[in-house]
Amino acid sequence: MLLPFVLWGLVLAGHLLLKALRVGALPDGLLALLLLLNVLPVAQWMLGYAGWYDSHDGYSTAMFYVPWQPWVLWGPAFYLYFRSLTNQEFTLRRHWRHLLPGLILVGLYAAAALYDLVWSRALHGQALPYHYGTKGAAVNFLDFLGAPANWLGYGLMLGYGLATLRLFRRYRRYLDDNFSDTARLRFRGLRDLLVVALLGLVLWLSFEVVNRAIGPLDYGGYWYAYFANGALIYYLSIVGLQANFAAVTPLRFEPEIEDSAAMPQVITPEVPTLEPRLGEASSSPNSYLDAARPVALAPEASVVAPVASDAALPGPPPAALAPELHPWRDKLLALMTDEQPWLEPELTLAELAHRLRTNTSLLSHVINTGCGQNFNDFVNSYRVAEAERKLQDPRLAHYSLVGIALESGFNSKSTFNRVFKKLTGRTPGEVARPKS
């Protein structure tokens, strides 16, 4: 019954690994590693049931020289996998040390195989001294390190798991500050998988406690733990493939510099212009304020177009916004009114900053401080106001809720319902004008 888990995991891991090598997709490679880490312990139990440990031949020897339970790699691998999904510029060059405990474990087994099978038996003709001539002295010594290595792995799984859950919370804030449509980028399936894996760790530890407190469990007693681990292979396959597909959207989540990015970056153009250009550096601490001063806008530029309900739309500039930034706020609101970029479902902070000819840090600061919202809520407030107007327009009474959602800039009905309820406290159906 464990064979379907092992076979599926090996086939998919091989496919992902080949894809990663062919196109350089790091998330595919790390997902393949995670699948293999789950396949190994299940395969060990399956082959044990098949009699490989008791055959006293080459099959038995092969069983002793494979690190079947590399738990020290699982936590770091999942952490790195999440980082690679949420930042397309992420590489292992600076972060490979997270995998060091697992690499050491694999290296020890490889060294034991070289010593026992090559040096001792092949070159010097010595028989393997343990388990009926199928197990060497070096790998027999590694057995003493098995329990400490497993407990270290459990600790790393817990530590890296909790660290990744904290990153998930910070990543949600990053999405809200940079994207107007975040549903498919939240990777909720991976978060749920991580929670399930941590619960599985508790289950595994309970088997360990029972094994030590009551007595050694036989193959049948431990089988259920490996069956649960096999089910995790299918779960990981489904949510991992979905996450890898969604990760084609350019993401630049870097938690190391997230706090420093909260304030606007200082920019100044290399040549005199009325507005700062995207991505330019600066040595002047007030250059982004200087660039804002020449912007001349008509008095009505900061007025939002009439909508059915503008309760969720930005009001007057708060006192917290520096007076020098008021022209940027006025220009932003004028752009939202005149060009209506919020009708584009995939609108991002970077695209809006490009249209305003500024950088994302300054624009994010203006939205957060000058409008009292993150980017996601700021854009969706316009969409909700437009949807509310359409819902109450008798000429559009024949429109479905899906049609209203799509024509108001939303990408799906589920996102429309969730955002509408969040910003208005009511469902779209409660606001819609009754059909005659």
Protein backbone atom coordinates (compact mmCIF):
# COMPACT_ATOMS: atom_id res chain seq x y z
CA MET A 1 0.00 0.00 0.00
CA LEU A 2 3.00 2.32 0.32
CA LEU A 3 4.13 1.71 -3.27
CA PRO A 4 1.74 4.29 -4.89
CA PHE A 5 3.16 7.02 -2.65
CA VAL A 6 6.76 6.13 -3.45
CA LEU A 7 6.23 5.68 -7.19
CA TRP A 8 4.30 8.93 -7.62
CA GLY A 9 6.81 10.89 -5.54
CA LEU A 10 9.80 9.57 -7.49
CA VAL A 11 8.24 10.21 -10.90
CA LEU A 12 7.17 13.77 -10.05
CA ALA A 13 10.46 14.59 -8.30
CA GLY A 14 12.38 13.37 -11.34
CA HIS A 15 10.24 15.44 -13.69
CA LEU A 16 10.68 18.58 -11.58
CA LEU A 17 14.41 18.04 -11.24
CA LEU A 18 14.86 17.71 -15.00
CA LYS A 19 12.77 20.84 -15.52
CA ALA A 20 14.84 22.74 -12.95
CA LEU A 21 18.08 21.73 -14.68
CA ARG A 22 16.69 22.58 -18.12
CA VAL A 23 15.24 26.04 -17.42
CA GLY A 24 16.96 26.96 -14.14
CA ALA A 25 13.76 27.07 -12.08
CA LEU A 26 14.90 26.96 -8.45
CA PRO A 27 11.37 26.40 -6.99
CA ASP A 28 11.02 23.26 -9.11
CA GLY A 29 14.34 21.94 -7.87
CA LEU A 30 13.52 22.60 -4.22
CA LEU A 31 10.05 21.07 -4.59
CA ALA A 32 11.73 17.96 -6.06
CA LEU A 33 14.02 17.87 -3.01
CA LEU A 34 11.06 18.14 -0.63
CA LEU A 35 9.29 15.30 -2.43
CA LEU A 36 12.39 13.09 -2.19
CA LEU A 37 12.75 13.86 1.51
CA ASN A 38 9.21 12.59 2.04
CA VAL A 39 9.66 9.61 -0.28
CA LEU A 40 12.82 8.27 1.41
CA PRO A 41 11.35 7.22 4.79
CA VAL A 42 8.25 5.73 3.13
CA ALA A 43 10.45 3.81 0.67
CA GLN A 44 12.54 2.46 3.54
CA TRP A 45 9.49 1.01 5.25
CA MET A 46 8.10 -0.35 2.00
CA LEU A 47 11.37 -2.09 1.12
CA GLY A 48 11.62 -3.38 4.66
CA TYR A 49 8.24 -5.04 4.20
CA ALA A 50 9.56 -6.46 0.92
CA GLY A 51 12.30 -8.25 2.86
CA TRP A 52 15.32 -6.29 1.74
CA TYR A 53 16.78 -6.07 5.25
CA ASP A 54 16.40 -9.84 5.73
CA SER A 55 17.65 -11.04 2.35
CA HIS A 56 21.31 -10.93 3.51
CA ASP A 57 22.63 -10.05 0.06
CA GLY A 58 23.24 -6.94 -1.99
CA TYR A 59 19.73 -5.68 -1.27
CA SER A 60 20.48 -5.64 2.45
CA THR A 61 23.78 -3.86 1.84
CA ALA A 62 22.03 -1.18 -0.24
CA MET A 63 19.57 -0.54 2.61
CA PHE A 64 22.34 0.30 5.07
CA TYR A 65 24.06 2.96 2.97
CA VAL A 66 21.11 5.26 2.24
CA PRO A 67 20.15 8.10 4.65
CA TRP A 68 16.50 7.07 4.75
CA GLN A 69 15.40 9.63 7.33
CA PRO A 70 17.07 12.96 6.42
CA TRP A 71 14.85 15.05 8.70
CA VAL A 72 17.66 17.59 9.15
CA LEU A 73 16.99 18.72 5.56
CA TRP A 74 13.20 19.05 5.61
CA GLY A 75 12.83 22.27 7.61
CA PRO A 76 15.60 24.20 5.80
CA ALA A 77 14.41 22.91 2.41
CA PHE A 78 10.83 24.12 2.99
CA TYR A 79 12.12 27.50 4.20
CA LEU A 80 14.27 27.91 1.09
CA TYR A 81 11.41 26.74 -1.12
CA PHE A 82 9.13 29.45 0.27
CA ARG A 83 11.85 32.06 -0.21
CA SER A 84 12.38 30.99 -3.84
CA LEU A 85 8.64 31.21 -4.57
CA THR A 86 8.28 34.71 -3.17
CA ASN A 87 11.41 36.23 -4.72
CA GLN A 88 12.33 35.47 -8.33
CA GLU A 89 15.84 36.81 -7.69
CA PHE A 90 16.48 34.41 -4.81
CA THR A 91 19.49 32.10 -5.22
CA LEU A 92 21.17 29.47 -3.08
CA ARG A 93 24.52 31.20 -3.40
CA ARG A 94 24.04 33.15 -0.17
CA HIS A 95 21.74 30.71 1.61
CA TRP A 96 23.18 27.23 0.99
CA ARG A 97 24.40 27.09 4.61
CA HIS A 98 20.85 26.31 5.70
CA LEU A 99 21.33 22.92 4.06
CA LEU A 100 24.69 22.28 5.72
CA PRO A 101 23.48 19.78 8.41
CA GLY A 102 21.80 17.67 5.74
CA LEU A 103 24.82 17.86 3.45
CA ILE A 104 27.01 16.67 6.31
CA LEU A 105 24.67 13.73 6.93
CA VAL A 106 24.71 12.72 3.25
CA GLY A 107 28.48 13.15 3.19
CA LEU A 108 28.93 10.83 6.17
CA TYR A 109 26.93 8.06 4.48
CA ALA A 110 28.90 8.55 1.25
CA ALA A 111 32.18 8.38 3.19
CA ALA A 112 31.01 5.21 4.99
CA ALA A 113 30.16 3.59 1.64
CA LEU A 114 33.57 4.47 0.22
CA TYR A 115 35.37 3.08 3.25
CA ASP A 116 33.33 -0.12 3.71
CA LEU A 117 32.52 -1.09 0.14
CA VAL A 118 35.47 0.32 -1.80
CA TRP A 119 38.42 0.54 0.55
CA SER A 120 37.78 -2.44 2.83
CA ARG A 121 35.93 -4.93 0.64
CA ALA A 122 36.85 -4.10 -2.97
CA LEU A 123 40.49 -3.07 -2.51
CA HIS A 124 41.52 -5.15 0.51
CA GLY A 125 39.15 -8.08 0.19
CA GLN A 126 37.83 -7.80 3.74
CA ALA A 127 34.39 -9.18 4.53
CA LEU A 128 31.76 -6.88 5.94
CA PRO A 129 31.65 -7.71 9.65
CA TYR A 130 27.99 -7.04 10.55
CA HIS A 131 24.51 -8.31 9.68
CA TYR A 132 25.58 -11.58 8.07
CA GLY A 133 28.30 -9.98 5.98
CA THR A 134 26.17 -7.18 4.51
CA LYS A 135 27.05 -4.22 6.74
CA GLY A 136 30.41 -2.53 7.24
CA ALA A 137 32.09 -1.08 10.31
CA ALA A 138 31.81 2.58 9.23
CA VAL A 139 28.08 2.53 8.59
CA ASN A 140 27.57 0.50 11.75
CA PHE A 141 29.22 3.37 13.65
CA LEU A 142 26.79 5.80 11.99
CA ASP A 143 23.94 3.93 13.67
CA PHE A 144 25.03 5.51 16.95
CA LEU A 145 24.51 8.94 15.37
CA GLY A 146 21.07 8.05 14.02
CA ALA A 147 19.00 8.98 17.06
CA PRO A 148 20.77 12.31 17.76
CA ALA A 149 20.53 13.21 14.05
CA ASN A 150 16.81 12.45 14.03
CA TRP A 151 16.15 14.58 17.11
CA LEU A 152 18.21 17.39 15.61
CA GLY A 153 16.06 17.06 12.50
CA TYR A 154 12.86 17.29 14.55
CA GLY A 155 14.16 20.46 16.18
CA LEU A 156 15.11 21.97 12.81
CA MET A 157 11.68 21.12 11.40
CA LEU A 158 9.99 22.89 14.28
CA GLY A 159 12.32 25.90 14.23
CA TYR A 160 12.28 26.43 10.48
CA GLY A 161 8.55 25.71 10.34
CA LEU A 162 7.75 28.45 12.85
CA ALA A 163 10.17 30.83 11.11
CA THR A 164 8.45 30.18 7.78
CA LEU A 165 5.02 30.81 9.30
CA ARG A 166 6.30 34.19 10.52
CA LEU A 167 7.54 34.91 7.00
CA PHE A 168 4.08 34.07 5.67
CA ARG A 169 2.61 36.87 7.82
CA ARG A 170 5.20 39.37 6.61
CA TYR A 171 4.69 38.18 3.04
CA ARG A 172 0.96 38.96 3.27
CA ARG A 173 1.83 42.54 4.20
CA TYR A 174 4.19 42.70 1.23
CA LEU A 175 1.41 41.55 -1.09
CA ASP A 176 -1.05 44.10 0.28
CA ASP A 177 1.50 46.87 -0.22
CA ASN A 178 2.40 45.93 -3.80
CA PHE A 179 -0.46 44.07 -5.54
CA SER A 180 -4.11 44.81 -6.12
CA ASP A 181 -5.02 41.16 -6.79
CA THR A 182 -3.40 38.89 -4.21
CA ALA A 183 -5.64 35.81 -4.06
CA ARG A 184 -3.50 33.44 -6.12
CA LEU A 185 -0.21 34.80 -4.71
CA ARG A 186 -0.96 34.14 -1.05
CA PHE A 187 0.07 30.45 -1.25
CA ARG A 188 -2.51 29.50 1.37
CA GLY A 189 -2.13 25.85 0.37
CA LEU A 190 1.55 25.88 1.28
CA ARG A 191 0.82 27.54 4.61
CA ASP A 192 -1.78 24.89 5.38
CA LEU A 193 0.64 22.17 4.27
CA LEU A 194 3.27 23.50 6.65
CA VAL A 195 0.78 23.44 9.52
CA VAL A 196 -0.15 19.86 8.61
CA ALA A 197 3.53 18.90 8.44
CA LEU A 198 4.13 20.34 11.92
CA LEU A 199 1.13 18.41 13.20
CA GLY A 200 2.61 15.36 11.50
CA LEU A 201 5.81 16.01 13.41
CA VAL A 202 3.80 15.87 16.64
CA LEU A 203 2.32 12.56 15.48
CA TRP A 204 5.76 11.21 14.64
CA LEU A 205 7.13 12.26 18.03
CA SER A 206 4.20 10.54 19.74
CA PHE A 207 5.22 7.28 18.03
CA GLU A 208 8.77 7.83 19.26
CA VAL A 209 7.54 8.37 22.82
CA VAL A 210 5.36 5.28 22.71
CA ASN A 211 8.24 3.27 21.25
CA ARG A 212 10.54 4.25 24.10
CA ALA A 213 8.05 4.31 26.97
CA ILE A 214 5.99 1.16 26.29
CA GLY A 215 8.31 -0.94 24.20
CA PRO A 216 9.69 -1.31 20.69
CA LEU A 217 6.95 -1.01 18.09
CA ASP A 218 6.94 -3.61 15.33
CA TYR A 219 6.66 -2.90 11.61
CA GLY A 220 2.89 -2.89 11.83
CA GLY A 221 2.85 -0.40 14.71
CA TYR A 222 4.96 2.15 12.86
CA TRP A 223 3.25 1.57 9.51
CA TYR A 224 0.51 4.14 10.16
CA ALA A 225 3.05 6.91 10.66
CA TYR A 226 4.65 6.12 7.30
CA PHE A 227 1.25 5.90 5.64
CA ALA A 228 0.49 9.43 6.90
CA ASN A 229 3.84 10.56 5.55
CA GLY A 230 2.93 9.03 2.20
CA ALA A 231 -0.33 10.97 2.11
CA LEU A 232 1.75 14.11 2.68
CA ILE A 233 3.55 13.36 -0.62
CA TYR A 234 0.29 13.77 -2.55
CA TYR A 235 -0.64 16.88 -0.57
CA LEU A 236 2.78 18.42 -1.26
CA SER A 237 2.48 17.54 -4.95
CA ILE A 238 -0.85 19.32 -5.37
CA VAL A 239 -0.12 22.55 -3.50
CA GLY A 240 3.48 22.67 -4.70
CA LEU A 241 2.55 22.49 -8.37
CA GLN A 242 -0.13 25.14 -7.85
CA ALA A 243 2.37 27.40 -6.07
CA ASN A 244 5.04 26.94 -8.75
CA PHE A 245 2.50 27.86 -11.42
CA ALA A 246 1.41 30.99 -9.55
CA ALA A 247 5.01 32.06 -8.93
CA VAL A 248 5.44 33.20 -12.54
CA THR A 249 4.28 36.63 -11.32
CA PRO A 250 7.39 38.75 -10.57
CA LEU A 251 7.78 38.79 -6.78
CA ARG A 252 10.54 40.52 -4.83
CA PHE A 253 9.80 39.67 -1.22
CA GLU A 254 13.01 40.25 0.75
CA PRO A 255 12.34 40.10 4.50
CA GLU A 256 15.91 41.18 5.29
CA ILE A 257 15.26 44.67 3.88
CA GLU A 258 11.49 44.88 4.42
CA ASP A 259 11.77 47.21 7.41
CA SER A 260 14.15 49.59 5.64
CA ALA A 261 11.76 49.75 2.69
CA ALA A 262 8.96 51.09 4.88
CA MET A 263 10.20 54.67 4.40
CA PRO A 264 10.47 56.30 1.00
CA GLN A 265 13.77 55.89 -0.78
CA VAL A 266 15.53 59.12 -1.62
CA ILE A 267 15.91 59.74 -5.34
CA THR A 268 17.15 62.56 -7.48
CA PRO A 269 17.41 62.77 -11.26
CA GLU A 270 20.76 63.06 -12.94
CA VAL A 271 19.50 65.97 -15.02
CA PRO A 272 16.93 68.61 -14.04
CA THR A 273 13.39 67.33 -14.58
CA LEU A 274 10.04 68.12 -13.11
CA GLU A 275 9.63 64.61 -11.69
CA PRO A 276 11.94 61.84 -10.45
CA ARG A 277 12.43 58.91 -12.77
CA LEU A 278 12.03 55.30 -11.76
CA GLY A 279 15.05 53.59 -10.23
CA GLU A 280 17.46 56.61 -10.06
CA ALA A 281 19.75 57.06 -7.09
CA SER A 282 20.25 60.17 -5.00
CA SER A 283 22.64 61.87 -2.66
CA SER A 284 20.28 64.65 -1.61
CA PRO A 285 18.13 63.83 1.46
CA ASN A 286 15.22 65.96 0.22
CA SER A 287 15.38 65.37 -3.52
CA TYR A 288 12.06 63.54 -3.69
CA LEU A 289 10.44 66.55 -1.97
CA ASP A 290 12.16 68.97 -4.31
CA ALA A 291 10.89 67.00 -7.27
CA ALA A 292 7.35 67.22 -5.96
CA ARG A 293 7.26 71.02 -5.63
CA PRO A 294 7.14 71.96 -9.34
CA VAL A 295 4.12 69.77 -10.07
CA ALA A 296 1.29 72.11 -11.05
CA LEU A 297 -2.18 70.68 -10.79
CA ALA A 298 -5.57 72.22 -11.27
CA PRO A 299 -7.48 72.78 -8.04
CA GLU A 300 -9.97 70.09 -8.96
CA ALA A 301 -7.26 67.49 -9.65
CA SER A 302 -7.45 66.07 -6.16
CA VAL A 303 -11.19 65.55 -6.29
CA VAL A 304 -12.33 61.97 -6.85
CA ALA A 305 -15.05 61.37 -9.42
CA PRO A 306 -18.54 61.00 -7.96
CA VAL A 307 -19.48 57.47 -6.97
CA ALA A 308 -22.39 55.89 -5.17
CA SER A 309 -20.53 55.77 -1.89
CA ASP A 310 -17.11 57.29 -1.30
CA ALA A 311 -16.82 56.29 2.35
CA ALA A 312 -13.90 53.99 1.56
CA LEU A 313 -12.11 56.44 -0.74
CA PRO A 314 -9.32 58.75 0.47
CA GLY A 315 -10.41 61.89 2.24
CA PRO A 316 -8.43 65.08 2.92
CA PRO A 317 -4.68 64.69 3.50
CA PRO A 318 -3.98 63.74 7.13
CA ALA A 319 -1.69 65.87 9.25
CA ALA A 320 0.87 63.04 9.26
CA LEU A 321 1.61 63.61 5.57
CA ALA A 322 4.36 66.14 5.01
CA PRO A 323 3.06 69.23 3.19
CA GLU A 324 5.73 68.74 0.52
CA LEU A 325 4.10 65.41 -0.40
CA HIS A 326 0.60 66.81 -0.89
CA PRO A 327 1.23 67.44 -4.64
CA TRP A 328 2.16 63.76 -5.06
CA ARG A 329 -1.05 62.73 -3.33
CA ASP A 330 -3.06 65.09 -5.53
CA LYS A 331 -1.39 63.75 -8.65
CA LEU A 332 -2.07 60.16 -7.57
CA LEU A 333 -5.77 60.81 -6.97
CA ALA A 334 -6.06 62.66 -10.27
CA LEU A 335 -4.52 59.70 -12.09
CA MET A 336 -6.89 57.28 -10.37
CA THR A 337 -9.84 59.44 -11.44
CA ASP A 338 -8.81 60.29 -15.00
CA GLU A 339 -7.14 57.09 -16.22
CA GLN A 340 -8.91 54.62 -13.91
CA PRO A 341 -5.99 52.16 -13.70
CA TRP A 342 -7.89 50.28 -11.00
CA LEU A 343 -9.96 48.68 -13.79
CA GLU A 344 -6.87 46.57 -14.59
CA PRO A 345 -7.12 43.43 -12.39
CA GLU A 346 -3.34 42.88 -12.28
CA LEU A 347 -2.40 46.46 -11.35
CA THR A 348 0.72 46.62 -9.15
CA LEU A 349 2.43 49.33 -7.14
CA ALA A 350 5.39 49.27 -9.55
CA GLU A 351 3.14 49.89 -12.57
CA LEU A 352 1.36 52.76 -10.84
CA ALA A 353 4.68 54.29 -9.77
CA HIS A 354 5.90 54.07 -13.37
CA ARG A 355 2.85 55.99 -14.60
CA LEU A 356 3.49 58.68 -12.00
CA ARG A 357 7.20 58.70 -12.89
CA THR A 358 8.31 58.07 -9.34
CA ASN A 359 9.56 55.09 -7.35
CA THR A 360 7.61 52.50 -5.38
CA SER A 361 8.94 53.58 -1.98
CA LEU A 362 7.73 57.17 -2.30
CA LEU A 363 4.38 56.10 -3.75
CA SER A 364 3.86 53.51 -1.02
CA HIS A 365 4.61 56.16 1.61
CA VAL A 366 2.11 58.56 0.03
CA ILE A 367 -0.60 55.88 -0.08
CA ASN A 368 0.03 54.56 3.44
CA THR A 369 0.40 57.95 5.11
CA GLY A 370 -1.53 60.24 2.80
CA CYS A 371 -4.51 57.93 2.20
CA GLY A 372 -4.43 55.80 5.35
CA GLN A 373 -4.52 52.50 3.41
CA ASN A 374 -2.19 49.93 2.01
CA PHE A 375 -1.97 49.67 -1.77
CA ASN A 376 -4.37 46.73 -1.99
CA ASP A 377 -7.15 48.45 -0.04
CA PHE A 378 -6.48 51.76 -1.80
CA VAL A 379 -7.03 50.28 -5.27
CA ASN A 380 -9.89 48.04 -4.20
CA SER A 381 -11.74 50.99 -2.66
CA TYR A 382 -12.14 52.41 -6.16
CA ARG A 383 -13.28 49.04 -7.49
CA VAL A 384 -15.80 48.61 -4.69
CA ALA A 385 -17.16 52.13 -5.21
CA GLU A 386 -17.57 51.42 -8.94
CA ALA A 387 -19.22 48.07 -8.22
CA GLU A 388 -21.59 49.69 -5.74
CA ARG A 389 -22.58 52.28 -8.34
CA LYS A 390 -23.23 49.57 -10.91
CA LEU A 391 -25.18 47.43 -8.46
CA GLN A 392 -27.58 50.32 -7.79
CA ASP A 393 -27.91 51.41 -11.43
CA PRO A 394 -31.33 50.24 -12.76
CA ARG A 395 -29.94 50.18 -16.30
CA LEU A 396 -27.55 47.41 -15.23
CA ALA A 397 -30.09 45.34 -13.34
CA HIS A 398 -29.68 42.51 -15.86
CA TYR A 399 -25.97 42.17 -15.03
CA SER A 400 -24.86 39.21 -12.93
CA LEU A 401 -22.61 39.70 -9.91
CA VAL A 402 -19.76 38.14 -11.87
CA GLY A 403 -20.28 40.67 -14.66
CA ILE A 404 -20.32 43.55 -12.18
CA ALA A 405 -17.12 42.24 -10.57
CA LEU A 406 -15.22 41.88 -13.84
CA GLU A 407 -16.29 45.29 -15.13
CA SER A 408 -15.21 46.90 -11.85
CA GLY A 409 -11.65 45.60 -12.04
CA PHE A 410 -11.90 42.39 -10.01
CA ASN A 411 -10.43 39.15 -11.27
CA SER A 412 -12.91 36.71 -9.74
CA LYS A 413 -16.22 36.58 -7.94
CA SER A 414 -14.69 35.15 -4.77
CA THR A 415 -12.23 38.05 -4.49
CA PHE A 416 -15.03 40.50 -5.26
CA ASN A 417 -17.24 39.13 -2.48
CA ARG A 418 -14.42 39.06 0.07
CA VAL A 419 -13.15 42.58 -0.66
CA PHE A 420 -16.64 44.08 -0.92
CA LYS A 421 -17.59 42.66 2.47
CA LYS A 422 -14.32 43.86 3.99
CA LEU A 423 -14.64 47.47 2.79
CA THR A 424 -18.40 48.01 3.10
CA GLY A 425 -19.48 45.55 5.78
CA ARG A 426 -22.16 44.21 3.40
CA THR A 427 -22.30 41.61 0.66
CA PRO A 428 -22.84 42.62 -2.98
CA GLY A 429 -26.23 40.91 -2.90
CA GLU A 430 -27.34 43.15 -0.02
CA VAL A 431 -26.39 46.29 -1.97
CA ALA A 432 -27.74 45.24 -5.36
CA ARG A 433 -30.93 46.95 -6.51
CA PRO A 434 -33.83 44.45 -6.49
CA LYS A 435 -34.67 43.21 -10.00
CA SER A 436 -38.14 44.25 -11.17
